[in-house]
C-alpha atoms as a PDB file:
ATOM      1  CA  MET A   1    -126.555 -22.167  93.002  1.00  0.00           C
ATOM      2  CA  LEU A   2    -125.463 -18.661  92.020  1.00  0.00           C
ATOM      3  CA  ALA A   3    -129.003 -17.777  90.919  1.00  0.00           C
ATOM      4  CA  LEU A   4    -130.399 -18.918  94.268  1.00  0.00           C
ATOM      5  CA  LEU A   5    -127.819 -16.928  96.194  1.00  0.00           C
ATOM      6  CA  LEU A   6    -128.498 -13.797  94.188  1.00  0.00           C
ATOM      7  CA  ALA A   7    -132.244 -14.247  94.645  1.00  0.00           C
ATOM      8  CA  ALA A   8    -131.708 -14.398  98.414  1.00  0.00           C
ATOM      9  CA  ALA A   9    -129.627 -11.246  98.228  1.00  0.00           C
ATOM     10  CA  LEU A  10    -132.500  -9.327  96.653  1.00  0.00           C
ATOM     11  CA  ALA A  11    -134.439  -9.643  99.908  1.00  0.00           C
ATOM     12  CA  ALA A  12    -131.556  -8.208 101.920  1.00  0.00           C
ATOM     13  CA  PRO A  13    -130.629  -4.495 102.200  1.00  0.00           C
ATOM     14  CA  VAL A  14    -127.773  -4.883  99.745  1.00  0.00           C
ATOM     15  CA  GLU A  15    -127.236  -4.692  96.006  1.00  0.00           C
ATOM     16  CA  SER A  16    -126.293  -7.802  94.059  1.00  0.00           C
ATOM     17  CA  PHE A  17    -124.262  -8.026  90.897  1.00  0.00           C
ATOM     18  CA  THR A  18    -122.011 -10.473  89.113  1.00  0.00           C
ATOM     19  CA  ILE A  19    -118.503 -10.105  87.791  1.00  0.00           C
ATOM     20  CA  LYS A  20    -116.614 -12.051  85.179  1.00  0.00           C
ATOM     21  CA  ASP A  21    -114.220 -14.138  87.242  1.00  0.00           C
ATOM     22  CA  THR A  22    -111.387 -14.574  84.759  1.00  0.00           C
ATOM     23  CA  THR A  23    -109.377 -16.674  87.222  1.00  0.00           C
ATOM     24  CA  TYR A  24    -111.927 -19.485  87.596  1.00  0.00           C
ATOM     25  CA  GLY A  25    -113.825 -18.816  84.368  1.00  0.00           C
ATOM     26  CA  ILE A  26    -117.275 -18.266  85.915  1.00  0.00           C
ATOM     27  CA  ASP A  27    -119.693 -15.497  86.841  1.00  0.00           C
ATOM     28  CA  ARG A  28    -119.124 -14.690  90.516  1.00  0.00           C
ATOM     29  CA  GLY A  29    -121.692 -13.153  92.815  1.00  0.00           C
ATOM     30  CA  ILE A  30    -120.882  -9.992  94.772  1.00  0.00           C
ATOM     31  CA  TRP A  31    -123.110  -8.229  97.285  1.00  0.00           C
ATOM     32  CA  PHE A  32    -122.521  -4.540  97.841  1.00  0.00           C
ATOM     33  CA  HIS A  33    -123.776  -2.051 100.403  1.00  0.00           C
ATOM     34  CA  ARG A  34    -123.125   1.532 101.468  1.00  0.00           C
ATOM     35  CA  THR A  35    -123.924   2.674 104.994  1.00  0.00           C
ATOM     36  CA  PRO A  36    -126.401   5.526 105.501  1.00  0.00           C
ATOM     37  CA  ARG A  37    -123.467   7.725 106.562  1.00  0.00           C
ATOM     38  CA  PHE A  38    -121.408   6.919 103.461  1.00  0.00           C
ATOM     39  CA  ARG A  39    -119.298   9.796 102.145  1.00  0.00           C
ATOM     40  CA  ALA A  40    -117.486   9.286  98.874  1.00  0.00           C
ATOM     41  CA  ASP A  41    -114.567  11.443 100.026  1.00  0.00           C
ATOM     42  CA  ASP A  42    -114.044   9.671 103.372  1.00  0.00           C
ATOM     43  CA  TYR A  43    -115.008   6.038 103.879  1.00  0.00           C
ATOM     44  CA  ARG A  44    -113.752   2.573 104.710  1.00  0.00           C
ATOM     45  CA  LEU A  45    -114.199  -0.481 102.523  1.00  0.00           C
ATOM     46  CA  PHE A  46    -114.991  -3.839 104.140  1.00  0.00           C
ATOM     47  CA  VAL A  47    -114.512  -6.931 101.958  1.00  0.00           C
ATOM     48  CA  PHE A  48    -115.903 -10.136 103.481  1.00  0.00           C
ATOM     49  CA  ILE A  49    -115.108 -13.614 102.161  1.00  0.00           C
ATOM     50  CA  GLY A  50    -117.971 -16.113 102.147  1.00  0.00           C
ATOM     51  CA  ASP A  51    -121.730 -16.248 101.576  1.00  0.00           C
ATOM     52  CA  TRP A  52    -122.712 -16.548 105.245  1.00  0.00           C
ATOM     53  CA  TYR A  53    -121.845 -12.857 105.673  1.00  0.00           C
ATOM     54  CA  LEU A  54    -125.005 -12.038 103.713  1.00  0.00           C
ATOM     55  CA  GLU A  55    -127.813 -13.436 105.890  1.00  0.00           C
ATOM     56  CA  GLU A  56    -126.462 -15.767 108.586  1.00  0.00           C
ATOM     57  CA  ILE A  57    -124.107 -13.094 109.917  1.00  0.00           C
ATOM     58  CA  ASN A  58    -125.852 -10.041 108.386  1.00  0.00           C
ATOM     59  CA  ALA A  59    -122.693  -8.032 107.875  1.00  0.00           C
ATOM     60  CA  ALA A  60    -124.651  -5.150 106.341  1.00  0.00           C
ATOM     61  CA  ALA A  61    -126.430  -4.484 109.630  1.00  0.00           C
ATOM     62  CA  ALA A  62    -123.170  -4.675 111.567  1.00  0.00           C
ATOM     63  CA  VAL A  63    -121.448  -2.261 109.195  1.00  0.00           C
ATOM     64  CA  ASP A  64    -124.423   0.121 109.353  1.00  0.00           C
ATOM     65  CA  ALA A  65    -124.360   0.113 113.144  1.00  0.00           C
ATOM     66  CA  ASN A  66    -120.610   0.263 113.705  1.00  0.00           C
ATOM     67  CA  GLY A  67    -118.837   1.270 110.500  1.00  0.00           C
ATOM     68  CA  GLY A  68    -119.592   4.978 110.135  1.00  0.00           C
ATOM     69  CA  SER A  69    -118.940   6.042 106.567  1.00  0.00           C
ATOM     70  CA  ALA A  70    -118.319   2.716 104.868  1.00  0.00           C
ATOM     71  CA  ALA A  71    -118.955   0.498 101.877  1.00  0.00           C
ATOM     72  CA  MET A  72    -119.141  -3.276 102.130  1.00  0.00           C
ATOM     73  CA  ALA A  73    -118.725  -6.130  99.671  1.00  0.00           C
ATOM     74  CA  ILE A  74    -119.335  -9.842 100.214  1.00  0.00           C
ATOM     75  CA  VAL A  75    -117.609 -12.244  97.807  1.00  0.00           C
ATOM     76  CA  SER A  76    -119.463 -15.475  97.075  1.00  0.00           C
ATOM     77  CA  THR A  77    -117.417 -18.636  97.519  1.00  0.00           C
ATOM     78  CA  ALA A  78    -120.300 -21.088  97.062  1.00  0.00           C
ATOM     79  CA  ASP A  79    -118.522 -22.837  94.179  1.00  0.00           C
ATOM     80  CA  LEU A  80    -115.346 -23.509  96.161  1.00  0.00           C
ATOM     81  CA  ARG A  81    -114.343 -25.798  99.023  1.00  0.00           C
ATOM     82  CA  PRO A  82    -112.360 -24.395 101.977  1.00  0.00           C
ATOM     83  CA  GLY A  83    -109.271 -26.266 100.782  1.00  0.00           C
ATOM     84  CA  ASP A  84    -109.543 -24.453  97.450  1.00  0.00           C
ATOM     85  CA  ILE A  85    -109.423 -21.069  99.170  1.00  0.00           C
ATOM     86  CA  VAL A  86    -107.162 -21.109 102.240  1.00  0.00           C
ATOM     87  CA  ASN A  87    -103.574 -20.007 101.575  1.00  0.00           C
ATOM     88  CA  ARG A  88    -104.191 -20.280  97.846  1.00  0.00           C
ATOM     89  CA  ALA A  89    -102.451 -17.916  95.441  1.00  0.00           C
ATOM     90  CA  ARG A  90    -105.121 -18.628  92.823  1.00  0.00           C
ATOM     91  CA  PHE A  91    -107.922 -17.394  95.069  1.00  0.00           C
ATOM     92  CA  ALA A  92    -105.899 -14.303  95.972  1.00  0.00           C
ATOM     93  CA  GLN A  93    -105.349 -13.681  92.266  1.00  0.00           C
ATOM     94  CA  MET A  94    -109.117 -13.735  91.708  1.00  0.00           C
ATOM     95  CA  ILE A  95    -109.699 -11.161  94.438  1.00  0.00           C
ATOM     96  CA  VAL A  96    -106.951  -8.866  93.140  1.00  0.00           C
ATOM     97  CA  THR A  97    -107.576  -9.335  89.405  1.00  0.00           C
ATOM     98  CA  ASP A  98    -111.371  -9.475  89.316  1.00  0.00           C
ATOM     99  CA  VAL A  99    -113.056  -8.395  92.562  1.00  0.00           C
ATOM    100  CA  MET A 100    -111.090  -5.300  93.507  1.00  0.00           C
ATOM    101  CA  PRO A 101    -111.205  -3.742  90.005  1.00  0.00           C
ATOM    102  CA  ALA A 102    -114.987  -4.276  89.989  1.00  0.00           C
ATOM    103  CA  LEU A 103    -115.263  -2.490  93.321  1.00  0.00           C
ATOM    104  CA  ARG A 104    -112.955   0.262  92.099  1.00  0.00           C
ATOM    105  CA  ALA A 105    -115.235   0.861  89.131  1.00  0.00           C
ATOM    106  CA  ARG A 106    -118.372   0.861  91.312  1.00  0.00           C
ATOM    107  CA  LEU A 107    -116.883   3.251  93.854  1.00  0.00           C
ATOM    108  CA  GLY A 108    -114.942   5.469  91.443  1.00  0.00           C
ATOM    109  CA  GLY A 109    -111.688   4.424  93.118  1.00  0.00           C
ATOM    110  CA  LEU A 110    -110.532   2.559  96.211  1.00  0.00           C
ATOM    111  CA  PRO A 111    -109.528   3.921  99.613  1.00  0.00           C
ATOM    112  CA  PRO A 112    -105.875   3.663 100.640  1.00  0.00           C
ATOM    113  CA  PRO A 113    -104.977   0.283 102.178  1.00  0.00           C
ATOM    114  CA  ASP A 114    -105.173   1.581 105.750  1.00  0.00           C
ATOM    115  CA  ARG A 115    -108.905   2.099 105.108  1.00  0.00           C
ATOM    116  CA  VAL A 116    -109.560  -1.269 103.435  1.00  0.00           C
ATOM    117  CA  ILE A 117    -110.498  -4.193 105.701  1.00  0.00           C
ATOM    118  CA  VAL A 118    -110.684  -7.809 104.543  1.00  0.00           C
ATOM    119  CA  GLY A 119    -112.454 -10.283 106.783  1.00  0.00           C
ATOM    120  CA  GLY A 120    -113.677 -13.829 107.065  1.00  0.00           C
ATOM    121  CA  ALA A 121    -114.834 -16.556 109.439  1.00  0.00           C
ATOM    122  CA  SER A 122    -113.480 -20.088 109.806  1.00  0.00           C
ATOM    123  CA  PHE A 123    -111.589 -20.757 106.529  1.00  0.00           C
ATOM    124  CA  GLY A 124    -112.107 -17.055 105.781  1.00  0.00           C
ATOM    125  CA  GLY A 125    -109.852 -16.073 108.704  1.00  0.00           C
ATOM    126  CA  PRO A 126    -106.591 -17.366 107.226  1.00  0.00           C
ATOM    127  CA  THR A 127    -107.822 -16.494 103.730  1.00  0.00           C
ATOM    128  CA  SER A 128    -108.222 -12.840 104.717  1.00  0.00           C
ATOM    129  CA  THR A 129    -104.877 -12.870 106.486  1.00  0.00           C
ATOM    130  CA  TYR A 130    -103.212 -14.415 103.423  1.00  0.00           C
ATOM    131  CA  LEU A 131    -104.728 -11.744 101.182  1.00  0.00           C
ATOM    132  CA  ALA A 132    -103.333  -8.936 103.312  1.00  0.00           C
ATOM    133  CA  PHE A 133     -99.994 -10.708 103.717  1.00  0.00           C
ATOM    134  CA  ARG A 134     -99.602 -11.123  99.957  1.00  0.00           C
ATOM    135  CA  HIS A 135    -101.201  -7.817  98.975  1.00  0.00           C
ATOM    136  CA  PRO A 136    -100.623  -5.148 101.639  1.00  0.00           C
ATOM    137  CA  GLU A 137    -100.806  -2.593  98.831  1.00  0.00           C
ATOM    138  CA  LEU A 138    -104.572  -3.248  98.832  1.00  0.00           C
ATOM    139  CA  PHE A 139    -105.475  -4.532 102.304  1.00  0.00           C
ATOM    140  CA  GLY A 140    -104.179  -2.842 105.432  1.00  0.00           C
ATOM    141  CA  ASN A 141    -106.543  -4.458 107.941  1.00  0.00           C
ATOM    142  CA  VAL A 142    -107.761  -7.982 108.736  1.00  0.00           C
ATOM    143  CA  ILE A 143    -110.766  -9.250 110.687  1.00  0.00           C
ATOM    144  CA  SER A 144    -110.473 -12.950 111.506  1.00  0.00           C
ATOM    145  CA  GLN A 145    -113.380 -14.746 113.175  1.00  0.00           C
ATOM    146  CA  SER A 146    -112.646 -18.268 114.418  1.00  0.00           C
ATOM    147  CA  GLY A 147    -109.820 -18.536 111.913  1.00  0.00           C
ATOM    148  CA  ALA A 148    -108.765 -22.030 110.800  1.00  0.00           C
ATOM    149  CA  PHE A 149    -105.078 -21.236 111.260  1.00  0.00           C
ATOM    150  CA  TRP A 150    -104.326 -24.909 111.788  1.00  0.00           C
ATOM    151  CA  ARG A 151    -104.243 -25.322 108.000  1.00  0.00           C
ATOM    152  CA  GLY A 152    -101.116 -25.803 105.958  1.00  0.00           C
ATOM    153  CA  ASN A 153    -100.016 -24.442 102.604  1.00  0.00           C
ATOM    154  CA  LYS A 154    -102.570 -24.476  99.771  1.00  0.00           C
ATOM    155  CA  GLY A 155    -105.444 -25.523 101.992  1.00  0.00           C
ATOM    156  CA  THR A 156    -103.870 -28.762 103.188  1.00  0.00           C
ATOM    157  CA  SER A 157    -103.272 -29.955 106.747  1.00  0.00           C
ATOM    158  CA  GLU A 158     -99.476 -29.874 106.511  1.00  0.00           C
ATOM    159  CA  PRO A 159     -97.290 -28.218 107.460  1.00  0.00           C
ATOM    160  CA  PRO A 160     -99.542 -27.102 110.319  1.00  0.00           C
ATOM    161  CA  GLU A 161     -99.970 -23.354 110.923  1.00  0.00           C
ATOM    162  CA  TRP A 162     -98.183 -22.574 107.669  1.00  0.00           C
ATOM    163  CA  LEU A 163     -99.389 -18.973 107.406  1.00  0.00           C
ATOM    164  CA  THR A 164     -98.469 -18.126 110.987  1.00  0.00           C
ATOM    165  CA  ASP A 165     -94.964 -19.390 110.271  1.00  0.00           C
ATOM    166  CA  GLN A 166     -94.806 -17.222 107.144  1.00  0.00           C
ATOM    167  CA  LEU A 167     -95.721 -14.179 109.220  1.00  0.00           C
ATOM    168  CA  ARG A 168     -93.096 -15.086 111.793  1.00  0.00           C
ATOM    169  CA  ARG A 169     -90.389 -15.377 109.144  1.00  0.00           C
ATOM    170  CA  SER A 170     -91.290 -12.216 107.214  1.00  0.00           C
ATOM    171  CA  PRO A 171     -90.722  -8.518 107.923  1.00  0.00           C
ATOM    172  CA  ARG A 172     -93.585  -6.765 109.671  1.00  0.00           C
ATOM    173  CA  LEU A 173     -96.059  -5.274 107.219  1.00  0.00           C
ATOM    174  CA  ALA A 174     -98.413  -2.306 107.568  1.00  0.00           C
ATOM    175  CA  ILE A 175    -101.390  -4.459 108.566  1.00  0.00           C
ATOM    176  CA  ARG A 176    -103.702  -4.157 111.573  1.00  0.00           C
ATOM    177  CA  PHE A 177    -105.459  -7.233 112.958  1.00  0.00           C
ATOM    178  CA  TYR A 178    -108.647  -8.006 114.835  1.00  0.00           C
ATOM    179  CA  VAL A 179    -108.526 -11.701 115.736  1.00  0.00           C
ATOM    180  CA  GLU A 180    -111.391 -13.279 117.658  1.00  0.00           C
ATOM    181  CA  VAL A 181    -112.176 -16.888 118.496  1.00  0.00           C
ATOM    182  CA  GLY A 182    -114.701 -18.604 120.724  1.00  0.00           C
ATOM    183  CA  ALA A 183    -113.377 -19.652 124.110  1.00  0.00           C
ATOM    184  CA  GLU A 184    -115.168 -22.989 123.644  1.00  0.00           C
ATOM    185  CA  GLU A 185    -113.631 -23.770 120.239  1.00  0.00           C
ATOM    186  CA  LYS A 186    -111.837 -26.841 121.499  1.00  0.00           C
ATOM    187  CA  GLN A 187    -112.648 -29.155 118.608  1.00  0.00           C
ATOM    188  CA  VAL A 188    -109.730 -31.084 117.121  1.00  0.00           C
ATOM    189  CA  ALA A 189    -108.669 -30.230 113.549  1.00  0.00           C
ATOM    190  CA  PRO A 190    -107.750 -32.982 111.040  1.00  0.00           C
ATOM    191  CA  ASN A 191    -104.046 -32.523 111.811  1.00  0.00           C
ATOM    192  CA  GLY A 192    -104.623 -33.016 115.547  1.00  0.00           C
ATOM    193  CA  LEU A 193    -104.452 -29.396 116.707  1.00  0.00           C
ATOM    194  CA  VAL A 194    -107.067 -28.078 119.125  1.00  0.00           C
ATOM    195  CA  PHE A 195    -108.771 -25.317 117.133  1.00  0.00           C
ATOM    196  CA  ILE A 196    -108.271 -22.433 119.548  1.00  0.00           C
ATOM    197  CA  GLU A 197    -104.542 -23.050 119.987  1.00  0.00           C
ATOM    198  CA  PRO A 198    -103.376 -21.895 116.509  1.00  0.00           C
ATOM    199  CA  ASN A 199    -105.309 -18.657 117.100  1.00  0.00           C
ATOM    200  CA  ARG A 200    -103.347 -18.148 120.313  1.00  0.00           C
ATOM    201  CA  HIS A 201    -100.132 -18.958 118.501  1.00  0.00           C
ATOM    202  CA  LEU A 202    -100.989 -16.401 115.805  1.00  0.00           C
ATOM    203  CA  ARG A 203    -101.616 -13.833 118.544  1.00  0.00           C
ATOM    204  CA  ASP A 204     -98.211 -14.524 120.057  1.00  0.00           C
ATOM    205  CA  VAL A 205     -96.442 -14.214 116.696  1.00  0.00           C
ATOM    206  CA  LEU A 206     -98.202 -10.977 115.778  1.00  0.00           C
ATOM    207  CA  GLN A 207     -97.444  -9.453 119.169  1.00  0.00           C
ATOM    208  CA  ALA A 208     -93.788 -10.493 118.954  1.00  0.00           C
ATOM    209  CA  LYS A 209     -93.506  -8.914 115.490  1.00  0.00           C
ATOM    210  CA  GLY A 210     -95.022  -5.645 116.728  1.00  0.00           C
ATOM    211  CA  TYR A 211     -98.257  -5.729 114.746  1.00  0.00           C
ATOM    212  CA  THR A 212    -101.220  -3.629 115.848  1.00  0.00           C
ATOM    213  CA  LEU A 213    -103.567  -6.280 117.192  1.00  0.00           C
ATOM    214  CA  ARG A 214    -106.769  -6.752 119.130  1.00  0.00           C
ATOM    215  CA  TYR A 215    -107.197 -10.384 120.201  1.00  0.00           C
ATOM    216  CA  VAL A 216    -110.437 -11.584 121.788  1.00  0.00           C
ATOM    217  CA  GLU A 217    -111.554 -14.959 123.117  1.00  0.00           C
ATOM    218  CA  VAL A 218    -115.340 -14.734 123.282  1.00  0.00           C
ATOM    219  CA  PRO A 219    -116.644 -16.389 126.483  1.00  0.00           C
ATOM    220  CA  GLY A 220    -118.946 -19.347 125.864  1.00  0.00           C
ATOM    221  CA  ALA A 221    -118.728 -19.015 122.059  1.00  0.00           C
ATOM    222  CA  LYS A 222    -118.411 -21.955 119.692  1.00  0.00           C
ATOM    223  CA  HIS A 223    -117.688 -22.345 115.980  1.00  0.00           C
ATOM    224  CA  ASN A 224    -120.943 -21.124 114.433  1.00  0.00           C
ATOM    225  CA  PRO A 225    -122.551 -18.140 112.641  1.00  0.00           C
ATOM    226  CA  GLU A 226    -124.478 -17.072 115.764  1.00  0.00           C
ATOM    227  CA  HIS A 227    -121.164 -16.398 117.468  1.00  0.00           C
ATOM    228  CA  TRP A 228    -119.750 -14.593 114.437  1.00  0.00           C
ATOM    229  CA  ARG A 229    -122.838 -12.396 114.053  1.00  0.00           C
ATOM    230  CA  ALA A 230    -122.621 -11.244 117.660  1.00  0.00           C
ATOM    231  CA  ALA A 231    -118.853 -10.714 117.518  1.00  0.00           C
ATOM    232  CA  LEU A 232    -118.701  -8.845 114.206  1.00  0.00           C
ATOM    233  CA  GLY A 233    -119.983  -5.521 115.539  1.00  0.00           C
ATOM    234  CA  PRO A 234    -117.085  -4.983 117.980  1.00  0.00           C
ATOM    235  CA  ALA A 235    -114.606  -5.964 115.253  1.00  0.00           C
ATOM    236  CA  ILE A 236    -116.034  -3.406 112.821  1.00  0.00           C
ATOM    237  CA  ASP A 237    -116.150  -0.776 115.546  1.00  0.00           C
ATOM    238  CA  TYR A 238    -112.484  -1.369 116.339  1.00  0.00           C
ATOM    239  CA  MET A 239    -111.456  -1.107 112.704  1.00  0.00           C
ATOM    240  CA  SER A 240    -113.523   2.064 112.272  1.00  0.00           C
ATOM    241  CA  GLN A 241    -111.788   3.993 115.032  1.00  0.00           C
ATOM    242  CA  ARG A 242    -108.372   4.714 113.588  1.00  0.00           C
ATOM    243  CA  ASP A 243    -107.146   6.844 116.473  1.00  0.00           C
ATOM    244  CA  LYS A 244    -107.728   3.986 118.914  1.00  0.00           C
ATOM    245  CA  LEU A 245    -105.781   1.382 116.964  1.00  0.00           C
ATOM    246  CA  ARG A 246    -102.859   0.555 119.214  1.00  0.00           C
ATOM    247  CA  PRO A 247    -101.044  -2.738 119.892  1.00  0.00           C
ATOM    248  CA  SER A 248    -102.846  -4.684 122.611  1.00  0.00           C
ATOM    249  CA  GLY A 249    -103.393  -8.195 123.875  1.00  0.00           C
END
């Protein structure tokens, strides 16, 4: 599977390389890209969770168009199920212990956390939020697309909305959020929650805690990569304009 994914990456405008994933004991695929306007002394780093950001969403094109001076990495999760990733300390350990040092070596250092954005769609929404929540020393910004915030602790269904409750109970951290969900995401999750509702609940909690937040319900959009591809550009644009980042609904 990894060989096939890396072969596909060679046709895309990104570099591909593997790292030694010491957490899971495998070689893990990473795709890496710098925008045409990249400046080593002034750039943002976007880290996307999940293989669909390579071709189905084409994050490289979105970062090129909207990211200014930026580098981008996509972390392959083809070997893992969503339940193995969401709200999982082990997965976060892999990102911190293996992925970020590899990016540090490739870039000659990492930007400060207010210039590092972690993002994901579906299970990647809460996964990205969990990463920033647990490691704000690395990640100061989150992009969540159609986040599966109905999930419980360690990828389970219970207790529902576990991560949102953790954010509610914890002191506010130096994290900015871009949370988007399709207005037509009314499917029912395994624990009985209508998918869009935990995203609204997360919005309410973040606003009440005073986080810098942009929340968007995309008209007519459903839970699919076509929606995420179209919605990613505005999210990257928002995260790339630091002076415009203010709390909002």
